[in-house]
Amino acid sequence: MKTGTPKNTLLVISTGFLALHVFLFWPWAVYVALGVGCIGIISDSLSQRIEQGWMNIAHILGCIVPRVILTLLFFLFLCPLALLSRLFTKDPLMLSRRYPSYFIDVNRAMDKPSFEKMW
């Protein structure tokens, strides 16, 4: 996003408060949206201060929210999936020490097409 666009930032903030009023029926959100919009029209210096505060909040949330989402993804999806895989599979990587060798003997004829498309 371009920096130095306080009027656009205040327009987004006031639209967000109007959306809060429409979806959550908070009557005070209309007054906040009207106030922020009037500040955007009347005062350039106050608009820049509000934009700077908004960008600081956005930076802080940008540091926190991805970590929370990734933590939830790990503990709610990946961890149970890994535990289920561990319960229902029998050592697919041959990591236990009961094998004398980790080499898997493949008894297959090697011909020209098997070298052309290895993967």
PDB file of N, CA and C in Angstrom:
ATOM      1  N   MET A   1       0.833  -1.172   0.000  1.00  0.00           N
ATOM      2  CA  MET A   1       0.000   0.000   0.000  1.00  0.00           C
ATOM      3  C   MET A   1       0.878   1.235   0.000  1.00  0.00           C
ATOM      4  N   LYS A   2       0.442   2.259  -0.700  1.00  0.00           N
ATOM      5  CA  LYS A   2       1.196   3.496  -0.734  1.00  0.00           C
ATOM      6  C   LYS A   2       1.115   4.181   0.619  1.00  0.00           C
ATOM      7  N   THR A   3       2.208   4.782   1.021  1.00  0.00           N
ATOM      8  CA  THR A   3       2.184   5.556   2.251  1.00  0.00           C
ATOM      9  C   THR A   3       1.822   6.993   1.915  1.00  0.00           C
ATOM     10  N   GLY A   4       1.349   7.708   2.901  1.00  0.00           N
ATOM     11  CA  GLY A   4       1.006   9.094   2.681  1.00  0.00           C
ATOM     12  C   GLY A   4      -0.379   9.276   2.076  1.00  0.00           C
ATOM     13  N   THR A   5      -1.288   8.356   2.331  1.00  0.00           N
ATOM     14  CA  THR A   5      -2.657   8.492   1.854  1.00  0.00           C
ATOM     15  C   THR A   5      -3.611   8.481   3.043  1.00  0.00           C
ATOM     16  N   PRO A   6      -3.561   9.508   3.879  1.00  0.00           N
ATOM     17  CA  PRO A   6      -4.394   9.484   5.090  1.00  0.00           C
ATOM     18  C   PRO A   6      -5.883   9.542   4.799  1.00  0.00           C
ATOM     19  N   LYS A   7      -6.282  10.214   3.740  1.00  0.00           N
ATOM     20  CA  LYS A   7      -7.715  10.300   3.437  1.00  0.00           C
ATOM     21  C   LYS A   7      -8.274   8.933   3.054  1.00  0.00           C
ATOM     22  N   ASN A   8      -7.507   8.161   2.286  1.00  0.00           N
ATOM     23  CA  ASN A   8      -7.949   6.803   1.929  1.00  0.00           C
ATOM     24  C   ASN A   8      -8.010   5.909   3.164  1.00  0.00           C
ATOM     25  N   THR A   9      -7.034   6.051   4.049  1.00  0.00           N
ATOM     26  CA  THR A   9      -7.022   5.245   5.265  1.00  0.00           C
ATOM     27  C   THR A   9      -8.217   5.570   6.142  1.00  0.00           C
ATOM     28  N   LEU A  10      -8.542   6.854   6.280  1.00  0.00           N
ATOM     29  CA  LEU A  10      -9.695   7.238   7.089  1.00  0.00           C
ATOM     30  C   LEU A  10     -11.000   6.788   6.440  1.00  0.00           C
ATOM     31  N   LEU A  11     -11.040   6.777   5.130  1.00  0.00           N
ATOM     32  CA  LEU A  11     -12.224   6.267   4.437  1.00  0.00           C
ATOM     33  C   LEU A  11     -12.410   4.777   4.719  1.00  0.00           C
ATOM     34  N   VAL A  12     -11.324   4.016   4.717  1.00  0.00           N
ATOM     35  CA  VAL A  12     -11.397   2.581   5.017  1.00  0.00           C
ATOM     36  C   VAL A  12     -11.818   2.368   6.462  1.00  0.00           C
ATOM     37  N   ILE A  13     -11.299   3.165   7.384  1.00  0.00           N
ATOM     38  CA  ILE A  13     -11.661   3.023   8.799  1.00  0.00           C
ATOM     39  C   ILE A  13     -13.147   3.329   9.000  1.00  0.00           C
ATOM     40  N   SER A  14     -13.625   4.413   8.402  1.00  0.00           N
ATOM     41  CA  SER A  14     -15.040   4.755   8.579  1.00  0.00           C
ATOM     42  C   SER A  14     -15.948   3.720   7.905  1.00  0.00           C
ATOM     43  N   THR A  15     -15.539   3.177   6.758  1.00  0.00           N
ATOM     44  CA  THR A  15     -16.322   2.122   6.117  1.00  0.00           C
ATOM     45  C   THR A  15     -16.347   0.865   6.980  1.00  0.00           C
ATOM     46  N   GLY A  16     -15.241   0.566   7.638  1.00  0.00           N
ATOM     47  CA  GLY A  16     -15.200  -0.585   8.544  1.00  0.00           C
ATOM     48  C   GLY A  16     -16.144  -0.423   9.714  1.00  0.00           C
ATOM     49  N   PHE A  17     -16.209   0.782  10.283  1.00  0.00           N
ATOM     50  CA  PHE A  17     -17.142   1.009  11.381  1.00  0.00           C
ATOM     51  C   PHE A  17     -18.592   0.952  10.908  1.00  0.00           C
ATOM     52  N   LEU A  18     -18.859   1.420   9.692  1.00  0.00           N
ATOM     53  CA  LEU A  18     -20.216   1.280   9.152  1.00  0.00           C
ATOM     54  C   LEU A  18     -20.576  -0.190   8.933  1.00  0.00           C
ATOM     55  N   ALA A  19     -19.602  -0.997   8.502  1.00  0.00           N
ATOM     56  CA  ALA A  19     -19.845  -2.436   8.338  1.00  0.00           C
ATOM     57  C   ALA A  19     -20.113  -3.093   9.692  1.00  0.00           C
ATOM     58  N   LEU A  20     -19.411  -2.644  10.728  1.00  0.00           N
ATOM     59  CA  LEU A  20     -19.683  -3.162  12.073  1.00  0.00           C
ATOM     60  C   LEU A  20     -21.122  -2.853  12.481  1.00  0.00           C
ATOM     61  N   HIS A  21     -21.573  -1.652  12.155  1.00  0.00           N
ATOM     62  CA  HIS A  21     -22.956  -1.295  12.493  1.00  0.00           C
ATOM     63  C   HIS A  21     -23.960  -2.155  11.718  1.00  0.00           C
ATOM     64  N   VAL A  22     -23.693  -2.397  10.442  1.00  0.00           N
ATOM     65  CA  VAL A  22     -24.633  -3.158   9.624  1.00  0.00           C
ATOM     66  C   VAL A  22     -24.702  -4.613  10.071  1.00  0.00           C
ATOM     67  N   PHE A  23     -23.554  -5.221  10.350  1.00  0.00           N
ATOM     68  CA  PHE A  23     -23.542  -6.649  10.655  1.00  0.00           C
ATOM     69  C   PHE A  23     -23.762  -6.970  12.129  1.00  0.00           C
ATOM     70  N   LEU A  24     -23.280  -6.097  13.038  1.00  0.00           N
ATOM     71  CA  LEU A  24     -23.385  -6.396  14.467  1.00  0.00           C
ATOM     72  C   LEU A  24     -24.385  -5.512  15.200  1.00  0.00           C
ATOM     73  N   PHE A  25     -24.989  -4.556  14.477  1.00  0.00           N
ATOM     74  CA  PHE A  25     -26.009  -3.667  15.039  1.00  0.00           C
ATOM     75  C   PHE A  25     -25.494  -2.873  16.247  1.00  0.00           C
ATOM     76  N   TRP A  26     -24.277  -2.366  16.147  1.00  0.00           N
ATOM     77  CA  TRP A  26     -23.723  -1.509  17.186  1.00  0.00           C
ATOM     78  C   TRP A  26     -24.021  -0.062  16.804  1.00  0.00           C
ATOM     79  N   PRO A  27     -24.874   0.625  17.559  1.00  0.00           N
ATOM     80  CA  PRO A  27     -25.246   1.987  17.157  1.00  0.00           C
ATOM     81  C   PRO A  27     -24.100   2.989  17.298  1.00  0.00           C
ATOM     82  N   TRP A  28     -23.181   2.749  18.198  1.00  0.00           N
ATOM     83  CA  TRP A  28     -22.078   3.694  18.384  1.00  0.00           C
ATOM     84  C   TRP A  28     -21.105   3.678  17.213  1.00  0.00           C
ATOM     85  N   ALA A  29     -21.107   2.612  16.416  1.00  0.00           N
ATOM     86  CA  ALA A  29     -20.177   2.514  15.288  1.00  0.00           C
ATOM     87  C   ALA A  29     -20.491   3.556  14.218  1.00  0.00           C
ATOM     88  N   VAL A  30     -21.782   3.944  14.092  1.00  0.00           N
ATOM     89  CA  VAL A  30     -22.144   4.974  13.124  1.00  0.00           C
ATOM     90  C   VAL A  30     -21.541   6.309  13.535  1.00  0.00           C
ATOM     91  N   TYR A  31     -21.576   6.613  14.817  1.00  0.00           N
ATOM     92  CA  TYR A  31     -21.033   7.882  15.301  1.00  0.00           C
ATOM     93  C   TYR A  31     -19.510   7.925  15.147  1.00  0.00           C
ATOM     94  N   VAL A  32     -18.865   6.805  15.396  1.00  0.00           N
ATOM     95  CA  VAL A  32     -17.410   6.751  15.216  1.00  0.00           C
ATOM     96  C   VAL A  32     -17.061   6.917  13.742  1.00  0.00           C
ATOM     97  N   ALA A  33     -17.814   6.268  12.863  1.00  0.00           N
ATOM     98  CA  ALA A  33     -17.560   6.395  11.419  1.00  0.00           C
ATOM     99  C   ALA A  33     -17.777   7.828  10.964  1.00  0.00           C
ATOM    100  N   LEU A  34     -18.831   8.473  11.458  1.00  0.00           N
ATOM    101  CA  LEU A  34     -19.084   9.863  11.115  1.00  0.00           C
ATOM    102  C   LEU A  34     -17.975  10.769  11.633  1.00  0.00           C
ATOM    103  N   GLY A  35     -17.519  10.524  12.848  1.00  0.00           N
ATOM    104  CA  GLY A  35     -16.428  11.326  13.412  1.00  0.00           C
ATOM    105  C   GLY A  35     -15.130  11.164  12.650  1.00  0.00           C
ATOM    106  N   VAL A  36     -14.782   9.942  12.318  1.00  0.00           N
ATOM    107  CA  VAL A  36     -13.544   9.694  11.571  1.00  0.00           C
ATOM    108  C   VAL A  36     -13.631  10.311  10.180  1.00  0.00           C
ATOM    109  N   GLY A  37     -14.811  10.211   9.554  1.00  0.00           N
ATOM    110  CA  GLY A  37     -14.987  10.820   8.241  1.00  0.00           C
ATOM    111  C   GLY A  37     -14.878  12.336   8.286  1.00  0.00           C
ATOM    112  N   CYS A  38     -15.441  12.955   9.312  1.00  0.00           N
ATOM    113  CA  CYS A  38     -15.345  14.416   9.453  1.00  0.00           C
ATOM    114  C   CYS A  38     -13.918  14.846   9.720  1.00  0.00           C
ATOM    115  N   ILE A  39     -13.191  14.070  10.508  1.00  0.00           N
ATOM    116  CA  ILE A  39     -11.773  14.392  10.757  1.00  0.00           C
ATOM    117  C   ILE A  39     -11.002  14.328   9.451  1.00  0.00           C
ATOM    118  N   GLY A  40     -11.310  13.337   8.606  1.00  0.00           N
ATOM    119  CA  GLY A  40     -10.643  13.218   7.318  1.00  0.00           C
ATOM    120  C   GLY A  40     -10.912  14.398   6.412  1.00  0.00           C
ATOM    121  N   ILE A  41     -12.095  14.969   6.518  1.00  0.00           N
ATOM    122  CA  ILE A  41     -12.442  16.117   5.681  1.00  0.00           C
ATOM    123  C   ILE A  41     -11.826  17.401   6.220  1.00  0.00           C
ATOM    124  N   ILE A  42     -11.838  17.586   7.534  1.00  0.00           N
ATOM    125  CA  ILE A  42     -11.484  18.871   8.141  1.00  0.00           C
ATOM    126  C   ILE A  42      -9.981  19.038   8.353  1.00  0.00           C
ATOM    127  N   SER A  43      -9.307  18.071   8.980  1.00  0.00           N
ATOM    128  CA  SER A  43      -7.940  18.282   9.447  1.00  0.00           C
ATOM    129  C   SER A  43      -6.958  17.316   8.789  1.00  0.00           C
ATOM    130  N   ASP A  44      -5.974  17.887   8.077  1.00  0.00           N
ATOM    131  CA  ASP A  44      -4.946  17.050   7.453  1.00  0.00           C
ATOM    132  C   ASP A  44      -3.954  16.506   8.473  1.00  0.00           C
ATOM    133  N   SER A  45      -3.572  17.325   9.444  1.00  0.00           N
ATOM    134  CA  SER A  45      -2.578  16.866  10.419  1.00  0.00           C
ATOM    135  C   SER A  45      -3.143  15.773  11.308  1.00  0.00           C
ATOM    136  N   LEU A  46      -4.395  15.926  11.729  1.00  0.00           N
ATOM    137  CA  LEU A  46      -5.019  14.890  12.554  1.00  0.00           C
ATOM    138  C   LEU A  46      -5.245  13.615  11.736  1.00  0.00           C
ATOM    139  N   SER A  47      -5.531  13.774  10.451  1.00  0.00           N
ATOM    140  CA  SER A  47      -5.677  12.610   9.561  1.00  0.00           C
ATOM    141  C   SER A  47      -4.376  11.829   9.474  1.00  0.00           C
ATOM    142  N   GLN A  48      -3.261  12.540   9.372  1.00  0.00           N
ATOM    143  CA  GLN A  48      -1.963  11.862   9.301  1.00  0.00           C
ATOM    144  C   GLN A  48      -1.640  11.152  10.601  1.00  0.00           C
ATOM    145  N   ARG A  49      -2.004  11.740  11.735  1.00  0.00           N
ATOM    146  CA  ARG A  49      -1.758  11.087  13.028  1.00  0.00           C
ATOM    147  C   ARG A  49      -2.601   9.814  13.170  1.00  0.00           C
ATOM    148  N   ILE A  50      -3.867   9.903  12.752  1.00  0.00           N
ATOM    149  CA  ILE A  50      -4.727   8.717  12.824  1.00  0.00           C
ATOM    150  C   ILE A  50      -4.197   7.630  11.890  1.00  0.00           C
ATOM    151  N   GLU A  51      -3.737   8.022  10.704  1.00  0.00           N
ATOM    152  CA  GLU A  51      -3.177   7.036   9.777  1.00  0.00           C
ATOM    153  C   GLU A  51      -1.925   6.388  10.356  1.00  0.00           C
ATOM    154  N   GLN A  52      -1.073   7.179  10.986  1.00  0.00           N
ATOM    155  CA  GLN A  52       0.145   6.627  11.587  1.00  0.00           C
ATOM    156  C   GLN A  52      -0.198   5.637  12.696  1.00  0.00           C
ATOM    157  N   GLY A  53      -1.173   5.970  13.537  1.00  0.00           N
ATOM    158  CA  GLY A  53      -1.612   5.045  14.584  1.00  0.00           C
ATOM    159  C   GLY A  53      -2.209   3.776  14.011  1.00  0.00           C
ATOM    160  N   TRP A  54      -2.999   3.934  12.949  1.00  0.00           N
ATOM    161  CA  TRP A  54      -3.601   2.775  12.286  1.00  0.00           C
ATOM    162  C   TRP A  54      -2.536   1.859  11.701  1.00  0.00           C
ATOM    163  N   MET A  55      -1.522   2.435  11.075  1.00  0.00           N
ATOM    164  CA  MET A  55      -0.450   1.631  10.489  1.00  0.00           C
ATOM    165  C   MET A  55       0.378   0.937  11.578  1.00  0.00           C
ATOM    166  N   ASN A  56       0.545   1.594  12.738  1.00  0.00           N
ATOM    167  CA  ASN A  56       1.241   0.939  13.849  1.00  0.00           C
ATOM    168  C   ASN A  56       0.453  -0.270  14.352  1.00  0.00           C
ATOM    169  N   ILE A  57      -0.873  -0.096  14.471  1.00  0.00           N
ATOM    170  CA  ILE A  57      -1.715  -1.222  14.886  1.00  0.00           C
ATOM    171  C   ILE A  57      -1.646  -2.349  13.851  1.00  0.00           C
ATOM    172  N   ALA A  58      -1.676  -1.983  12.570  1.00  0.00           N
ATOM    173  CA  ALA A  58      -1.604  -2.994  11.515  1.00  0.00           C
ATOM    174  C   ALA A  58      -0.270  -3.738  11.551  1.00  0.00           C
ATOM    175  N   HIS A  59       0.815  -3.042  11.848  1.00  0.00           N
ATOM    176  CA  HIS A  59       2.129  -3.696  11.935  1.00  0.00           C
ATOM    177  C   HIS A  59       2.170  -4.681  13.102  1.00  0.00           C
ATOM    178  N   ILE A  60       1.633  -4.274  14.242  1.00  0.00           N
ATOM    179  CA  ILE A  60       1.612  -5.158  15.409  1.00  0.00           C
ATOM    180  C   ILE A  60       0.757  -6.392  15.130  1.00  0.00           C
ATOM    181  N   LEU A  61      -0.421  -6.185  14.540  1.00  0.00           N
ATOM    182  CA  LEU A  61      -1.278  -7.326  14.212  1.00  0.00           C
ATOM    183  C   LEU A  61      -0.640  -8.215  13.152  1.00  0.00           C
ATOM    184  N   GLY A  62       0.128  -7.620  12.238  1.00  0.00           N
ATOM    185  CA  GLY A  62       0.823  -8.405  11.225  1.00  0.00           C
ATOM    186  C   GLY A  62       1.886  -9.305  11.811  1.00  0.00           C
ATOM    187  N   CYS A  63       2.397  -8.956  12.985  1.00  0.00           N
ATOM    188  CA  CYS A  63       3.373  -9.822  13.658  1.00  0.00           C
ATOM    189  C   CYS A  63       2.696 -10.917  14.488  1.00  0.00           C
ATOM    190  N   ILE A  64       1.497 -10.654  14.979  1.00  0.00           N
ATOM    191  CA  ILE A  64       0.840 -11.579  15.902  1.00  0.00           C
ATOM    192  C   ILE A  64      -0.048 -12.589  15.179  1.00  0.00           C
ATOM    193  N   VAL A  65      -0.896 -12.133  14.280  1.00  0.00           N
ATOM    194  CA  VAL A  65      -1.936 -12.977  13.682  1.00  0.00           C
ATOM    195  C   VAL A  65      -1.375 -14.183  12.921  1.00  0.00           C
ATOM    196  N   PRO A  66      -0.330 -14.056  12.085  1.00  0.00           N
ATOM    197  CA  PRO A  66       0.158 -15.264  11.397  1.00  0.00           C
ATOM    198  C   PRO A  66       0.651 -16.341  12.349  1.00  0.00           C
ATOM    199  N   ARG A  67       1.251 -15.944  13.450  1.00  0.00           N
ATOM    200  CA  ARG A  67       1.720 -16.940  14.418  1.00  0.00           C
ATOM    201  C   ARG A  67       0.556 -17.662  15.074  1.00  0.00           C
ATOM    202  N   VAL A  68      -0.504 -16.920  15.380  1.00  0.00           N
ATOM    203  CA  VAL A  68      -1.677 -17.545  15.988  1.00  0.00           C
ATOM    204  C   VAL A  68      -2.326 -18.512  15.001  1.00  0.00           C
ATOM    205  N   ILE A  69      -2.463 -18.099  13.748  1.00  0.00           N
ATOM    206  CA  ILE A  69      -3.085 -18.962  12.741  1.00  0.00           C
ATOM    207  C   ILE A  69      -2.246 -20.211  12.502  1.00  0.00           C
ATOM    208  N   LEU A  70      -0.939 -20.065  12.403  1.00  0.00           N
ATOM    209  CA  LEU A  70      -0.083 -21.235  12.188  1.00  0.00           C
ATOM    210  C   LEU A  70      -0.077 -22.167  13.395  1.00  0.00           C
ATOM    211  N   THR A  71      -0.150 -21.607  14.604  1.00  0.00           N
ATOM    212  CA  THR A  71      -0.207 -22.437  15.802  1.00  0.00           C
ATOM    213  C   THR A  71      -1.502 -23.240  15.832  1.00  0.00           C
ATOM    214  N   LEU A  72      -2.617 -22.569  15.529  1.00  0.00           N
ATOM    215  CA  LEU A  72      -3.894 -23.288  15.490  1.00  0.00           C
ATOM    216  C   LEU A  72      -3.897 -24.360  14.409  1.00  0.00           C
ATOM    217  N   LEU A  73      -3.344 -24.049  13.254  1.00  0.00           N
ATOM    218  CA  LEU A  73      -3.262 -25.029  12.170  1.00  0.00           C
ATOM    219  C   LEU A  73      -2.448 -26.247  12.599  1.00  0.00           C
ATOM    220  N   PHE A  74      -1.342 -26.003  13.291  1.00  0.00           N
ATOM    221  CA  PHE A  74      -0.488 -27.104  13.720  1.00  0.00           C
ATOM    222  C   PHE A  74      -1.197 -27.990  14.730  1.00  0.00           C
ATOM    223  N   PHE A  75      -1.765 -27.370  15.786  1.00  0.00           N
ATOM    224  CA  PHE A  75      -2.324 -28.176  16.864  1.00  0.00           C
ATOM    225  C   PHE A  75      -3.702 -28.748  16.545  1.00  0.00           C
ATOM    226  N   LEU A  76      -4.463 -28.122  15.667  1.00  0.00           N
ATOM    227  CA  LEU A  76      -5.799 -28.625  15.356  1.00  0.00           C
ATOM    228  C   LEU A  76      -5.834 -29.554  14.149  1.00  0.00           C
ATOM    229  N   PHE A  77      -4.852 -29.443  13.253  1.00  0.00           N
ATOM    230  CA  PHE A  77      -4.896 -30.257  12.038  1.00  0.00           C
ATOM    231  C   PHE A  77      -3.692 -31.183  11.918  1.00  0.00           C
ATOM    232  N   LEU A  78      -2.501 -30.634  11.959  1.00  0.00           N
ATOM    233  CA  LEU A  78      -1.312 -31.447  11.693  1.00  0.00           C
ATOM    234  C   LEU A  78      -0.971 -32.407  12.824  1.00  0.00           C
ATOM    235  N   CYS A  79      -1.082 -31.976  14.052  1.00  0.00           N
ATOM    236  CA  CYS A  79      -0.730 -32.840  15.181  1.00  0.00           C
ATOM    237  C   CYS A  79      -1.660 -34.058  15.273  1.00  0.00           C
ATOM    238  N   PRO A  80      -2.993 -33.895  15.211  1.00  0.00           N
ATOM    239  CA  PRO A  80      -3.844 -35.103  15.212  1.00  0.00           C
ATOM    240  C   PRO A  80      -3.613 -36.010  13.999  1.00  0.00           C
ATOM    241  N   LEU A  81      -3.347 -35.411  12.857  1.00  0.00           N
ATOM    242  CA  LEU A  81      -3.074 -36.210  11.663  1.00  0.00           C
ATOM    243  C   LEU A  81      -1.795 -37.024  11.843  1.00  0.00           C
ATOM    244  N   ALA A  82      -0.781 -36.431  12.427  1.00  0.00           N
ATOM    245  CA  ALA A  82       0.471 -37.151  12.674  1.00  0.00           C
ATOM    246  C   ALA A  82       0.274 -38.262  13.702  1.00  0.00           C
ATOM    247  N   LEU A  83      -0.510 -37.994  14.739  1.00  0.00           N
ATOM    248  CA  LEU A  83      -0.759 -39.033  15.735  1.00  0.00           C
ATOM    249  C   LEU A  83      -1.548 -40.202  15.146  1.00  0.00           C
ATOM    250  N   LEU A  84      -2.527 -39.913  14.318  1.00  0.00           N
ATOM    251  CA  LEU A  84      -3.268 -40.988  13.657  1.00  0.00           C
ATOM    252  C   LEU A  84      -2.376 -41.780  12.717  1.00  0.00           C
ATOM    253  N   SER A  85      -1.509 -41.106  12.012  1.00  0.00           N
ATOM    254  CA  SER A  85      -0.584 -41.792  11.121  1.00  0.00           C
ATOM    255  C   SER A  85       0.361 -42.692  11.913  1.00  0.00           C
ATOM    256  N   ARG A  86       0.783 -42.219  13.045  1.00  0.00           N
ATOM    257  CA  ARG A  86       1.688 -43.015  13.860  1.00  0.00           C
ATOM    258  C   ARG A  86       0.995 -44.245  14.446  1.00  0.00           C
ATOM    259  N   LEU A  87      -0.283 -44.106  14.754  1.00  0.00           N
ATOM    260  CA  LEU A  87      -1.016 -45.236  15.309  1.00  0.00           C
ATOM    261  C   LEU A  87      -1.294 -46.323  14.275  1.00  0.00           C
ATOM    262  N   PHE A  88      -1.568 -45.934  13.034  1.00  0.00           N
ATOM    263  CA  PHE A  88      -2.055 -46.897  12.056  1.00  0.00           C
ATOM    264  C   PHE A  88      -1.038 -47.322  11.011  1.00  0.00           C
ATOM    265  N   THR A  89       0.196 -46.846  11.074  1.00  0.00           N
ATOM    266  CA  THR A  89       1.211 -47.317  10.127  1.00  0.00           C
ATOM    267  C   THR A  89       2.305 -48.053  10.883  1.00  0.00           C
ATOM    268  N   LYS A  90       2.950 -48.968  10.181  1.00  0.00           N
ATOM    269  CA  LYS A  90       3.978 -49.811  10.792  1.00  0.00           C
ATOM    270  C   LYS A  90       5.360 -49.422  10.279  1.00  0.00           C
ATOM    271  N   ASP A  91       5.959 -48.428  10.814  1.00  0.00           N
ATOM    272  CA  ASP A  91       7.347 -48.032  10.547  1.00  0.00           C
ATOM    273  C   ASP A  91       7.659 -47.925   9.047  1.00  0.00           C
ATOM    274  N   PRO A  92       7.007 -47.010   8.324  1.00  0.00           N
ATOM    275  CA  PRO A  92       7.222 -46.937   6.869  1.00  0.00           C
ATOM    276  C   PRO A  92       8.616 -46.450   6.485  1.00  0.00           C
ATOM    277  N   LEU A  93       9.302 -45.750   7.370  1.00  0.00           N
ATOM    278  CA  LEU A  93      10.644 -45.263   7.049  1.00  0.00           C
ATOM    279  C   LEU A  93      11.750 -46.169   7.579  1.00  0.00           C
ATOM    280  N   MET A  94      11.357 -47.288   8.179  1.00  0.00           N
ATOM    281  CA  MET A  94      12.314 -48.252   8.747  1.00  0.00           C
ATOM    282  C   MET A  94      13.259 -47.575   9.742  1.00  0.00           C
ATOM    283  N   LEU A  95      12.691 -46.849  10.678  1.00  0.00           N
ATOM    284  CA  LEU A  95      13.498 -46.117  11.651  1.00  0.00           C
ATOM    285  C   LEU A  95      13.859 -46.944  12.884  1.00  0.00           C
ATOM    286  N   SER A  96      13.179 -48.052  13.121  1.00  0.00           N
ATOM    287  CA  SER A  96      13.510 -48.862  14.293  1.00  0.00           C
ATOM    288  C   SER A  96      14.796 -49.646  14.037  1.00  0.00           C
ATOM    289  N   ARG A  97      15.401 -50.128  15.093  1.00  0.00           N
ATOM    290  CA  ARG A  97      16.692 -50.808  14.995  1.00  0.00           C
ATOM    291  C   ARG A  97      16.552 -52.306  14.745  1.00  0.00           C
ATOM    292  N   ARG A  98      15.365 -52.763  14.465  1.00  0.00           N
ATOM    293  CA  ARG A  98      15.197 -54.199  14.258  1.00  0.00           C
ATOM    294  C   ARG A  98      15.591 -54.656  12.861  1.00  0.00           C
ATOM    295  N   TYR A  99      15.901 -53.777  11.943  1.00  0.00           N
ATOM    296  CA  TYR A  99      16.300 -54.129  10.588  1.00  0.00           C
ATOM    297  C   TYR A  99      17.818 -54.270  10.513  1.00  0.00           C
ATOM    298  N   PRO A 100      18.322 -55.338   9.898  1.00  0.00           N
ATOM    299  CA  PRO A 100      19.775 -55.479   9.775  1.00  0.00           C
ATOM    300  C   PRO A 100      20.365 -54.502   8.746  1.00  0.00           C
ATOM    301  N   SER A 101      19.556 -54.097   7.770  1.00  0.00           N
ATOM    302  CA  SER A 101      20.032 -53.185   6.734  1.00  0.00           C
ATOM    303  C   SER A 101      18.875 -52.282   6.316  1.00  0.00           C
ATOM    304  N   TYR A 102      19.209 -51.070   5.895  1.00  0.00           N
ATOM    305  CA  TYR A 102      18.193 -50.142   5.422  1.00  0.00           C
ATOM    306  C   TYR A 102      18.023 -50.206   3.907  1.00  0.00           C
ATOM    307  N   PHE A 103      18.747 -51.056   3.266  1.00  0.00           N
ATOM    308  CA  PHE A 103      18.674 -51.216   1.822  1.00  0.00           C
ATOM    309  C   PHE A 103      17.445 -52.040   1.452  1.00  0.00           C
ATOM    310  N   ILE A 104      16.703 -51.564   0.465  1.00  0.00           N
ATOM    311  CA  ILE A 104      15.531 -52.295  -0.017  1.00  0.00           C
ATOM    312  C   ILE A 104      15.877 -52.867  -1.383  1.00  0.00           C
ATOM    313  N   ASP A 105      15.821 -54.173  -1.489  1.00  0.00           N
ATOM    314  CA  ASP A 105      16.152 -54.840  -2.739  1.00  0.00           C
ATOM    315  C   ASP A 105      14.938 -54.803  -3.657  1.00  0.00           C
ATOM    316  N   VAL A 106      15.108 -54.221  -4.826  1.00  0.00           N
ATOM    317  CA  VAL A 106      14.029 -54.117  -5.801  1.00  0.00           C
ATOM    318  C   VAL A 106      14.351 -55.072  -6.945  1.00  0.00           C
ATOM    319  N   ASN A 107      13.586 -56.124  -7.060  1.00  0.00           N
ATOM    320  CA  ASN A 107      13.784 -57.103  -8.125  1.00  0.00           C
ATOM    321  C   ASN A 107      12.915 -56.712  -9.310  1.00  0.00           C
ATOM    322  N   ARG A 108      13.484 -55.859 -10.143  1.00  0.00           N
ATOM    323  CA  ARG A 108      12.746 -55.355 -11.285  1.00  0.00           C
ATOM    324  C   ARG A 108      13.715 -55.201 -12.443  1.00  0.00           C
ATOM    325  N   ALA A 109      13.247 -55.492 -13.619  1.00  0.00           N
ATOM    326  CA  ALA A 109      14.105 -55.364 -14.798  1.00  0.00           C
ATOM    327  C   ALA A 109      14.289 -53.893 -15.130  1.00  0.00           C
ATOM    328  N   MET A 110      15.533 -53.493 -15.318  1.00  0.00           N
ATOM    329  CA  MET A 110      15.840 -52.112 -15.665  1.00  0.00           C
ATOM    330  C   MET A 110      15.974 -52.010 -17.172  1.00  0.00           C
ATOM    331  N   ASP A 111      15.065 -51.261 -17.770  1.00  0.00           N
ATOM    332  CA  ASP A 111      15.131 -51.076 -19.215  1.00  0.00           C
ATOM    333  C   ASP A 111      15.219 -49.581 -19.523  1.00  0.00           C
ATOM    334  N   LYS A 112      15.237 -49.234 -20.778  1.00  0.00           N
ATOM    335  CA  LYS A 112      15.450 -47.857 -21.206  1.00  0.00           C
ATOM    336  C   LYS A 112      14.374 -46.891 -20.672  1.00  0.00           C
ATOM    337  N   PRO A 113      13.072 -47.204 -20.705  1.00  0.00           N
ATOM    338  CA  PRO A 113      12.070 -46.252 -20.190  1.00  0.00           C
ATOM    339  C   PRO A 113      12.206 -45.963 -18.694  1.00  0.00           C
ATOM    340  N   SER A 114      12.723 -46.895 -17.938  1.00  0.00           N
ATOM    341  CA  SER A 114      12.870 -46.633 -16.502  1.00  0.00           C
ATOM    342  C   SER A 114      13.954 -45.600 -16.224  1.00  0.00           C
ATOM    343  N   PHE A 115      14.908 -45.391 -17.146  1.00  0.00           N
ATOM    344  CA  PHE A 115      15.917 -44.364 -16.980  1.00  0.00           C
ATOM    345  C   PHE A 115      15.506 -43.030 -17.606  1.00  0.00           C
ATOM    346  N   GLU A 116      14.533 -43.046 -18.502  1.00  0.00           N
ATOM    347  CA  GLU A 116      14.108 -41.812 -19.134  1.00  0.00           C
ATOM    348  C   GLU A 116      13.214 -40.998 -18.190  1.00  0.00           C
ATOM    349  N   LYS A 117      12.333 -41.643 -17.475  1.00  0.00           N
ATOM    350  CA  LYS A 117      11.445 -40.967 -16.523  1.00  0.00           C
ATOM    351  C   LYS A 117      11.695 -41.573 -15.158  1.00  0.00           C
ATOM    352  N   MET A 118      12.702 -41.049 -14.464  1.00  0.00           N
ATOM    353  CA  MET A 118      13.066 -41.621 -13.177  1.00  0.00           C
ATOM    354  C   MET A 118      12.034 -41.331 -12.085  1.00  0.00           C
ATOM    355  N   TRP A 119      11.440 -40.175 -12.115  1.00  0.00           N
ATOM    356  CA  TRP A 119      10.545 -39.800 -11.043  1.00  0.00           C
ATOM    357  C   TRP A 119       9.132 -40.020 -11.480  1.00  0.00           C
TER     358      TRP A 119
END
